[in-house]
Amino acid sequence: LAEETMLVLPMDGNAVANRKIIDRLLDDYSFDADSIQQQLEAQFDAYASGDFAEEGDDYHEGELLVYPLAVVEKKYVSYMLHSSLFWPSEQNHPQWADVYFMFDLNTGEIILQDDIFDASAENRQAVGVKIHDELVKFAGNEEDIFAEAGAELLNASFVFDDKGMTFFYQPYEVGPYMLGEPEVHLSKEWLEPYLKKDGILYDYWFKN
């Protein structure tokens, strides 16, 4: 199958917010029935002719899956968007990415770093250093294989729950392919000094 799409939708409730969430999740992807049909036919012809492993084949196998992961306090919802591509004649392994999102169920707006963390560069740097330390532990204390410690490690792929916040990284994003998709969990207690005091997480964790 050249393009396979399975979209699992959220839950009953705010239809306007749900529509905004779906539109944002698929913002970087466009689907056209004609182009998908052409890809299917090209792939079928390649397999039927026995040329699917020949150099120069430009067909590919692709997949896009969207999974709702959890609803937090009926206020927030987390999703994982999985995409993958595989060119049999050009690469030794498929390219894939799992990207995580958090949304406000009331407004449908995506939750970003600026909604969570104090804006000071010093505080964000401190969180980045902590993430780097946890990545090094994940890799068996091989420090030199990761990107440098810093605020750049606060990416947009994260989820949170009542215990803390987890950052997710794609293959090659912070280290070599062999590490797969590293993830780092930071407890809400550790994060408290670095949170925006009128932000979403400080309000959820420490004002309830």
Protein backbone atom coordinates (compact mmCIF):
# COMPACT_ATOMS: atom_id res chain seq x y z
CA LEU A 1 0.00 0.00 0.00
CA ALA A 2 1.65 3.23 -1.10
CA GLU A 3 -0.21 5.44 1.34
CA GLU A 4 -2.16 4.13 4.30
CA THR A 5 -4.00 6.48 6.60
CA MET A 6 -5.79 5.46 9.77
CA LEU A 7 -7.08 8.39 11.79
CA VAL A 8 -8.45 7.64 15.24
CA LEU A 9 -10.51 10.59 16.37
CA PRO A 10 -10.79 11.95 19.91
CA MET A 11 -14.00 11.76 21.90
CA ASP A 12 -17.44 13.25 22.25
CA GLY A 13 -17.53 16.87 23.26
CA ASN A 14 -16.37 20.12 21.74
CA ALA A 15 -16.73 19.55 17.99
CA VAL A 16 -15.06 22.86 17.07
CA ALA A 17 -12.03 22.11 19.26
CA ASN A 18 -11.80 18.56 17.91
CA ARG A 19 -11.82 19.85 14.33
CA LYS A 20 -8.99 22.27 15.14
CA ILE A 21 -7.00 19.44 16.70
CA ILE A 22 -7.42 17.21 13.65
CA ASP A 23 -6.51 20.02 11.26
CA ARG A 24 -3.35 20.76 13.25
CA LEU A 25 -2.29 17.12 13.41
CA LEU A 26 -2.53 16.83 9.63
CA ASP A 27 -1.24 20.31 8.89
CA ASP A 28 2.01 19.07 7.31
CA TYR A 29 0.35 16.39 5.20
CA SER A 30 -1.84 16.67 2.12
CA PHE A 31 -3.80 13.76 0.72
CA ASP A 32 -5.08 13.63 -2.81
CA ALA A 33 -7.00 10.58 -4.02
CA ASP A 34 -5.56 10.78 -7.54
CA SER A 35 -1.94 10.95 -6.42
CA ILE A 36 -2.44 8.08 -3.97
CA GLN A 37 -4.01 5.99 -6.75
CA GLN A 38 -1.06 6.71 -9.03
CA GLN A 39 1.39 5.64 -6.34
CA LEU A 40 -0.57 2.43 -5.76
CA GLU A 41 -0.53 1.60 -9.46
CA ALA A 42 3.19 2.36 -9.79
CA GLN A 43 3.99 0.14 -6.84
CA PHE A 44 1.81 -2.69 -8.17
CA ASP A 45 3.48 -2.50 -11.57
CA ALA A 46 6.93 -2.60 -9.96
CA TYR A 47 6.12 -5.69 -7.91
CA ALA A 48 4.38 -7.41 -10.85
CA SER A 49 7.38 -6.89 -13.11
CA GLY A 50 9.81 -8.18 -10.51
CA ASP A 51 11.80 -4.95 -10.64
CA PHE A 52 11.01 -3.82 -7.12
CA ALA A 53 14.58 -4.25 -5.89
CA GLU A 54 16.28 -2.62 -8.88
CA GLU A 55 18.25 0.58 -8.43
CA GLY A 56 16.30 3.63 -9.48
CA ASP A 57 12.82 2.51 -8.42
CA ASP A 58 11.05 5.57 -7.11
CA TYR A 59 7.96 4.01 -5.56
CA HIS A 60 7.77 3.78 -1.80
CA GLU A 61 5.73 2.37 1.01
CA GLY A 62 4.32 4.96 3.36
CA GLU A 63 2.22 5.08 6.48
CA LEU A 64 0.66 7.79 8.59
CA LEU A 65 -1.06 6.85 11.84
CA VAL A 66 -2.52 9.19 14.45
CA TYR A 67 -3.16 7.79 17.92
CA PRO A 68 -4.86 9.51 20.84
CA LEU A 69 -2.84 8.52 23.91
CA ALA A 70 -4.50 9.94 26.99
CA VAL A 71 -6.97 12.48 28.29
CA VAL A 72 -5.64 14.44 31.26
CA GLU A 73 -8.22 15.67 33.76
CA LYS A 74 -10.71 16.07 30.87
CA LYS A 75 -8.77 19.25 30.01
CA TYR A 76 -5.95 18.08 27.77
CA VAL A 77 -5.43 15.31 25.24
CA SER A 78 -2.19 13.80 23.97
CA TYR A 79 -1.60 12.34 20.52
CA MET A 80 1.18 10.51 18.74
CA LEU A 81 1.59 10.97 15.00
CA HIS A 82 3.59 8.16 13.39
CA SER A 83 4.85 8.51 9.83
CA SER A 84 7.16 6.19 7.94
CA LEU A 85 8.62 5.85 4.47
CA PHE A 86 10.55 2.98 2.92
CA TRP A 87 12.30 2.96 -0.44
CA PRO A 88 13.38 -0.69 -0.98
CA SER A 89 16.10 0.09 -3.51
CA GLU A 90 17.63 3.16 -1.87
CA GLN A 91 17.89 2.69 1.88
CA ASN A 92 18.96 -0.01 4.29
CA HIS A 93 16.27 0.86 6.79
CA PRO A 94 12.99 2.80 6.77
CA GLN A 95 12.74 6.41 7.81
CA TRP A 96 10.18 7.01 10.51
CA ALA A 97 9.16 9.60 13.04
CA ASP A 98 6.91 9.53 16.09
CA VAL A 99 5.89 13.04 17.08
CA TYR A 100 3.88 13.79 20.21
CA PHE A 101 1.37 16.58 20.75
CA MET A 102 -0.69 17.98 23.60
CA PHE A 103 -3.89 19.92 22.99
CA ASP A 104 -6.30 21.93 25.11
CA LEU A 105 -9.63 20.11 24.79
CA ASN A 106 -11.60 23.28 25.43
CA THR A 107 -9.98 25.46 22.76
CA GLY A 108 -8.39 22.91 20.43
CA GLU A 109 -5.11 24.83 20.63
CA ILE A 110 -1.79 23.01 20.65
CA ILE A 111 0.24 23.37 23.85
CA LEU A 112 3.74 24.72 23.27
CA GLN A 113 6.86 25.34 25.36
CA ASP A 114 5.91 28.98 25.87
CA ASP A 115 2.67 27.86 27.54
CA ILE A 116 4.68 25.86 30.08
CA PHE A 117 8.16 27.20 30.80
CA ASP A 118 9.50 30.40 32.23
CA ALA A 119 10.79 32.54 29.37
CA SER A 120 14.25 33.17 30.87
CA ALA A 121 17.14 31.71 28.90
CA GLU A 122 18.81 30.62 32.14
CA ASN A 123 15.87 28.48 33.21
CA ARG A 124 15.41 26.88 29.83
CA GLN A 125 19.13 26.15 29.67
CA ALA A 126 18.88 24.40 33.05
CA VAL A 127 16.08 22.17 31.79
CA GLY A 128 18.10 21.41 28.64
CA VAL A 129 21.12 20.39 30.74
CA LYS A 130 18.92 18.08 32.79
CA ILE A 131 17.51 16.49 29.63
CA HIS A 132 21.06 15.97 28.32
CA ASP A 133 22.07 14.26 31.58
CA GLU A 134 19.10 11.91 31.29
CA LEU A 135 19.90 11.14 27.64
CA VAL A 136 23.46 10.23 28.62
CA LYS A 137 22.11 7.82 31.24
CA PHE A 138 19.77 6.36 28.62
CA ALA A 139 22.77 5.63 26.39
CA GLY A 140 24.84 3.97 29.09
CA ASN A 141 26.82 7.11 29.98
CA GLU A 142 28.24 7.60 26.48
CA GLU A 143 28.17 11.37 26.63
CA ASP A 144 29.90 12.21 23.36
CA ILE A 145 27.22 10.67 21.11
CA PHE A 146 24.54 13.23 21.97
CA ALA A 147 23.90 16.78 20.94
CA GLU A 148 25.26 19.41 23.30
CA ALA A 149 23.32 20.20 26.43
CA GLY A 150 21.17 23.27 26.09
CA ALA A 151 17.75 24.81 25.66
CA GLU A 152 17.60 23.37 22.11
CA LEU A 153 16.76 20.00 23.68
CA LEU A 154 13.38 21.38 24.76
CA ASN A 155 11.60 20.27 21.61
CA ALA A 156 7.92 20.44 20.77
CA SER A 157 7.36 16.66 21.02
CA PHE A 158 6.17 16.03 24.57
CA VAL A 159 3.30 14.86 26.75
CA PHE A 160 2.46 15.40 30.40
CA ASP A 161 0.31 13.79 33.04
CA ASP A 162 -0.21 14.17 36.80
CA LYS A 163 3.35 13.00 37.55
CA GLY A 164 5.52 14.92 35.13
CA MET A 165 6.49 15.65 31.56
CA THR A 166 8.09 13.39 28.94
CA PHE A 167 10.11 14.57 25.93
CA PHE A 168 10.42 12.36 22.85
CA TYR A 169 13.12 12.49 20.18
CA GLN A 170 13.14 11.13 16.64
CA PRO A 171 15.92 9.00 15.17
CA TYR A 172 18.98 11.19 14.50
CA GLU A 173 17.45 14.18 16.32
CA VAL A 174 19.83 14.07 19.30
CA GLY A 175 22.01 11.02 18.65
CA PRO A 176 22.84 8.20 16.22
CA TYR A 177 20.20 6.00 14.56
CA MET A 178 21.09 3.01 16.77
CA LEU A 179 19.56 4.77 19.78
CA GLY A 180 16.13 4.69 18.18
CA GLU A 181 13.78 7.20 19.74
CA PRO A 182 15.10 8.33 23.14
CA GLU A 183 12.65 9.70 25.67
CA VAL A 184 13.24 11.65 28.86
CA HIS A 185 10.82 11.93 31.77
CA LEU A 186 11.12 14.86 34.21
CA SER A 187 9.07 14.86 37.39
CA LYS A 188 6.79 17.75 38.21
CA GLU A 189 8.72 18.30 41.44
CA TRP A 190 11.97 18.78 39.55
CA LEU A 191 10.31 21.03 36.95
CA GLU A 192 8.49 23.33 39.39
CA PRO A 193 11.17 26.08 39.62
CA TYR A 194 11.35 26.38 35.83
CA LEU A 195 7.64 26.61 35.07
CA LYS A 196 5.77 29.70 34.01
CA LYS A 197 3.81 30.65 37.12
CA ASP A 198 0.70 31.54 35.14
CA GLY A 199 1.23 28.70 32.69
CA ILE A 200 -0.73 25.54 32.01
CA LEU A 201 1.41 23.05 33.92
CA TYR A 202 2.04 25.16 36.99
CA ASP A 203 -1.70 25.73 37.26
CA TYR A 204 -2.50 22.04 36.73
CA TRP A 205 0.18 20.63 39.04
CA PHE A 206 0.44 23.11 41.86
CA LYS A 207 -2.74 25.22 42.02
CA ASN A 208 -5.37 22.46 42.04
